[in-house]
């Protein structure tokens, strides 16, 4: 399973498009924070996991079973 973070953004979206050229959609999952933005990706047959980087336990679950990770960092600043 290939897992991509940041796939709803510009760079992550380009990466996802490239991976979809060589990997079947059912072998790809993404981590998204925005359910609405992730909808267009889910329509391609990619597994969408809605989550955020603040919930450690849910991230452990989301990353379980992943063979390859493409981690595209976000620009979210530390919460004060």
N, C-alpha and C. Protein backbone atom coordinates (compact mmCIF):
# COMPACT_ATOMS: atom_id res chain seq x y z
N UNK A 1 0.84 -1.18 0.00
CA UNK A 1 0.00 0.00 0.00
C UNK A 1 0.89 1.24 0.00
N UNK A 2 0.58 2.17 -0.89
CA UNK A 2 1.27 3.46 -0.97
C UNK A 2 0.41 4.47 -0.23
N UNK A 3 1.03 5.25 0.63
CA UNK A 3 0.30 6.24 1.44
C UNK A 3 0.88 7.62 1.16
N UNK A 4 0.02 8.57 0.87
CA UNK A 4 0.45 9.93 0.52
C UNK A 4 -0.23 10.92 1.45
N UNK A 5 0.57 11.78 2.07
CA UNK A 5 0.01 12.89 2.84
C UNK A 5 0.05 14.14 1.95
N UNK A 6 -0.81 15.09 2.24
CA UNK A 6 -0.81 16.35 1.49
C UNK A 6 -1.38 16.23 0.08
N UNK A 7 -2.10 15.16 -0.21
CA UNK A 7 -2.57 14.93 -1.57
C UNK A 7 -3.66 15.89 -2.03
N UNK A 8 -4.26 16.64 -1.10
CA UNK A 8 -5.27 17.62 -1.51
C UNK A 8 -4.64 18.96 -1.88
N UNK A 9 -3.34 19.09 -1.65
CA UNK A 9 -2.62 20.31 -2.01
C UNK A 9 -2.00 20.20 -3.39
N UNK A 10 -1.31 21.25 -3.78
CA UNK A 10 -0.73 21.31 -5.13
C UNK A 10 0.35 20.23 -5.34
N UNK A 11 1.39 20.25 -4.53
CA UNK A 11 2.49 19.30 -4.70
C UNK A 11 2.01 17.86 -4.48
N UNK A 12 1.27 17.63 -3.40
CA UNK A 12 0.77 16.29 -3.13
C UNK A 12 -0.18 15.79 -4.21
N UNK A 13 -0.96 16.69 -4.79
CA UNK A 13 -1.86 16.32 -5.88
C UNK A 13 -1.10 15.89 -7.12
N UNK A 14 -0.03 16.61 -7.43
CA UNK A 14 0.82 16.23 -8.56
C UNK A 14 1.48 14.87 -8.32
N UNK A 15 1.93 14.65 -7.10
CA UNK A 15 2.52 13.38 -6.73
C UNK A 15 1.50 12.25 -6.89
N UNK A 16 0.29 12.46 -6.39
CA UNK A 16 -0.77 11.46 -6.51
C UNK A 16 -1.05 11.13 -7.97
N UNK A 17 -1.16 12.14 -8.80
CA UNK A 17 -1.39 11.91 -10.23
C UNK A 17 -0.29 11.06 -10.84
N UNK A 18 0.95 11.30 -10.46
CA UNK A 18 2.07 10.52 -10.97
C UNK A 18 2.04 9.08 -10.49
N UNK A 19 1.73 8.89 -9.22
CA UNK A 19 1.66 7.54 -8.67
C UNK A 19 0.51 6.76 -9.31
N UNK A 20 -0.60 7.42 -9.59
CA UNK A 20 -1.74 6.75 -10.22
C UNK A 20 -1.41 6.24 -11.62
N UNK A 21 -0.38 6.76 -12.24
CA UNK A 21 0.02 6.29 -13.58
C UNK A 21 0.69 4.92 -13.52
N UNK A 22 1.23 4.56 -12.36
CA UNK A 22 1.96 3.30 -12.25
C UNK A 22 1.40 2.34 -11.20
N UNK A 23 0.47 2.83 -10.40
CA UNK A 23 -0.05 2.04 -9.28
C UNK A 23 -1.58 2.06 -9.32
N UNK A 24 -2.24 0.91 -9.21
CA UNK A 24 -3.70 0.89 -9.19
C UNK A 24 -4.25 1.69 -8.01
N UNK A 25 -5.34 2.39 -8.23
CA UNK A 25 -5.94 3.24 -7.20
C UNK A 25 -6.23 2.49 -5.91
N UNK A 26 -6.61 1.22 -6.01
CA UNK A 26 -6.95 0.47 -4.81
C UNK A 26 -5.71 0.13 -3.95
N UNK A 27 -4.53 0.43 -4.46
CA UNK A 27 -3.29 0.22 -3.71
C UNK A 27 -2.73 1.53 -3.18
N UNK A 28 -3.56 2.59 -3.23
CA UNK A 28 -3.13 3.92 -2.78
C UNK A 28 -4.11 4.42 -1.73
N UNK A 29 -3.55 5.03 -0.67
CA UNK A 29 -4.36 5.69 0.35
C UNK A 29 -3.76 7.07 0.58
N UNK A 30 -4.61 7.99 0.99
CA UNK A 30 -4.14 9.34 1.33
C UNK A 30 -4.63 9.72 2.71
N UNK A 31 -3.92 10.63 3.32
CA UNK A 31 -4.34 11.24 4.57
C UNK A 31 -4.79 12.65 4.24
N UNK A 32 -6.02 12.97 4.60
CA UNK A 32 -6.56 14.31 4.33
C UNK A 32 -7.17 14.88 5.60
N UNK A 33 -7.07 16.18 5.74
CA UNK A 33 -7.71 16.85 6.88
C UNK A 33 -9.06 17.43 6.50
N UNK A 34 -9.28 17.67 5.22
CA UNK A 34 -10.50 18.31 4.74
C UNK A 34 -11.31 17.31 3.91
N UNK A 35 -12.45 16.90 4.45
CA UNK A 35 -13.30 15.89 3.79
C UNK A 35 -13.79 16.37 2.42
N UNK A 36 -14.12 17.63 2.30
CA UNK A 36 -14.61 18.15 1.02
C UNK A 36 -13.54 18.09 -0.07
N UNK A 37 -12.32 18.50 0.27
CA UNK A 37 -11.23 18.45 -0.71
C UNK A 37 -10.89 17.01 -1.09
N UNK A 38 -11.04 16.10 -0.14
CA UNK A 38 -10.70 14.70 -0.39
C UNK A 38 -11.72 13.99 -1.27
N UNK A 39 -12.90 14.54 -1.42
CA UNK A 39 -13.96 13.90 -2.20
C UNK A 39 -13.57 13.63 -3.64
N UNK A 40 -12.89 14.56 -4.26
CA UNK A 40 -12.48 14.37 -5.67
C UNK A 40 -11.46 13.25 -5.79
N UNK A 41 -10.67 13.05 -4.76
CA UNK A 41 -9.67 11.98 -4.77
C UNK A 41 -10.34 10.63 -4.55
N UNK A 42 -11.28 10.59 -3.64
CA UNK A 42 -12.01 9.34 -3.38
C UNK A 42 -12.73 8.86 -4.64
N UNK A 43 -13.19 9.79 -5.46
CA UNK A 43 -13.90 9.42 -6.69
C UNK A 43 -12.98 8.71 -7.70
N UNK A 44 -11.67 8.78 -7.48
CA UNK A 44 -10.70 8.10 -8.35
C UNK A 44 -10.46 6.66 -7.89
N UNK A 45 -11.07 6.28 -6.75
CA UNK A 45 -10.89 4.93 -6.23
C UNK A 45 -9.80 4.80 -5.18
N UNK A 46 -9.22 5.91 -4.81
CA UNK A 46 -8.17 5.95 -3.79
C UNK A 46 -8.82 5.94 -2.41
N UNK A 47 -8.24 5.20 -1.47
CA UNK A 47 -8.73 5.18 -0.09
C UNK A 47 -8.38 6.51 0.57
N UNK A 48 -9.36 7.13 1.20
CA UNK A 48 -9.15 8.41 1.89
C UNK A 48 -9.32 8.20 3.39
N UNK A 49 -8.31 8.61 4.14
CA UNK A 49 -8.38 8.57 5.59
C UNK A 49 -8.39 10.02 6.08
N UNK A 50 -9.50 10.41 6.69
CA UNK A 50 -9.64 11.77 7.22
C UNK A 50 -9.04 11.78 8.62
N UNK A 51 -8.09 12.66 8.82
CA UNK A 51 -7.37 12.70 10.08
C UNK A 51 -6.69 14.05 10.22
N UNK A 52 -6.01 14.23 11.33
CA UNK A 52 -5.19 15.42 11.50
C UNK A 52 -3.92 15.04 12.22
N UNK A 53 -2.95 15.92 12.19
CA UNK A 53 -1.65 15.62 12.77
C UNK A 53 -1.61 15.80 14.28
N UNK A 54 -2.69 16.21 14.90
CA UNK A 54 -2.74 16.43 16.34
C UNK A 54 -3.15 15.18 17.12
N UNK A 55 -3.63 14.15 16.45
CA UNK A 55 -4.13 12.96 17.12
C UNK A 55 -3.17 11.79 16.86
N UNK A 56 -2.21 11.63 17.75
CA UNK A 56 -1.15 10.64 17.58
C UNK A 56 -1.70 9.22 17.38
N UNK A 57 -2.62 8.79 18.24
CA UNK A 57 -3.13 7.43 18.16
C UNK A 57 -3.83 7.15 16.83
N UNK A 58 -4.59 8.11 16.33
CA UNK A 58 -5.26 7.89 15.05
C UNK A 58 -4.26 7.86 13.90
N UNK A 59 -3.16 8.60 14.03
CA UNK A 59 -2.12 8.56 12.99
C UNK A 59 -1.42 7.20 12.98
N UNK A 60 -1.18 6.64 14.14
CA UNK A 60 -0.58 5.30 14.21
C UNK A 60 -1.47 4.32 13.47
N UNK A 61 -2.78 4.40 13.70
CA UNK A 61 -3.72 3.53 13.01
C UNK A 61 -3.70 3.79 11.50
N UNK A 62 -3.70 5.05 11.10
CA UNK A 62 -3.72 5.40 9.68
C UNK A 62 -2.48 4.90 8.95
N UNK A 63 -1.33 4.92 9.62
CA UNK A 63 -0.08 4.53 8.98
C UNK A 63 0.20 3.02 9.05
N UNK A 64 -0.61 2.28 9.77
CA UNK A 64 -0.42 0.83 9.89
C UNK A 64 -0.70 0.15 8.55
N UNK A 65 0.19 -0.76 8.15
CA UNK A 65 0.02 -1.52 6.92
C UNK A 65 0.53 -0.84 5.67
N UNK A 66 1.24 0.26 5.83
CA UNK A 66 1.75 1.02 4.70
C UNK A 66 3.10 0.47 4.28
N UNK A 67 3.29 0.27 2.97
CA UNK A 67 4.56 -0.22 2.44
C UNK A 67 5.48 0.92 2.02
N UNK A 68 4.88 2.00 1.51
CA UNK A 68 5.66 3.14 1.03
C UNK A 68 4.92 4.41 1.43
N UNK A 69 5.64 5.36 1.97
CA UNK A 69 5.07 6.63 2.41
C UNK A 69 5.68 7.78 1.65
N UNK A 70 4.83 8.62 1.09
CA UNK A 70 5.24 9.90 0.53
C UNK A 70 4.68 10.95 1.47
N UNK A 71 5.55 11.56 2.26
CA UNK A 71 5.11 12.53 3.26
C UNK A 71 5.34 13.93 2.73
N UNK A 72 4.28 14.56 2.27
CA UNK A 72 4.34 15.94 1.80
C UNK A 72 3.91 16.81 2.98
N UNK A 73 4.84 17.59 3.50
CA UNK A 73 4.54 18.37 4.69
C UNK A 73 3.57 19.50 4.39
N UNK A 74 2.83 19.86 5.40
CA UNK A 74 1.88 20.97 5.29
C UNK A 74 2.51 22.26 5.76
N UNK A 75 1.73 23.31 5.70
CA UNK A 75 2.24 24.61 6.15
C UNK A 75 1.50 25.10 7.40
N UNK A 76 0.89 24.19 8.11
CA UNK A 76 0.16 24.54 9.33
C UNK A 76 1.16 24.93 10.43
N UNK A 77 0.97 26.10 10.99
CA UNK A 77 1.87 26.58 12.04
C UNK A 77 1.45 25.96 13.37
N UNK A 78 2.40 25.90 14.28
CA UNK A 78 2.12 25.36 15.61
C UNK A 78 1.01 26.15 16.26
N UNK A 79 0.09 25.43 16.88
CA UNK A 79 -1.03 26.08 17.55
C UNK A 79 -0.54 26.66 18.88
N UNK A 80 -1.03 27.85 19.21
CA UNK A 80 -0.57 28.49 20.44
C UNK A 80 -1.56 28.49 21.53
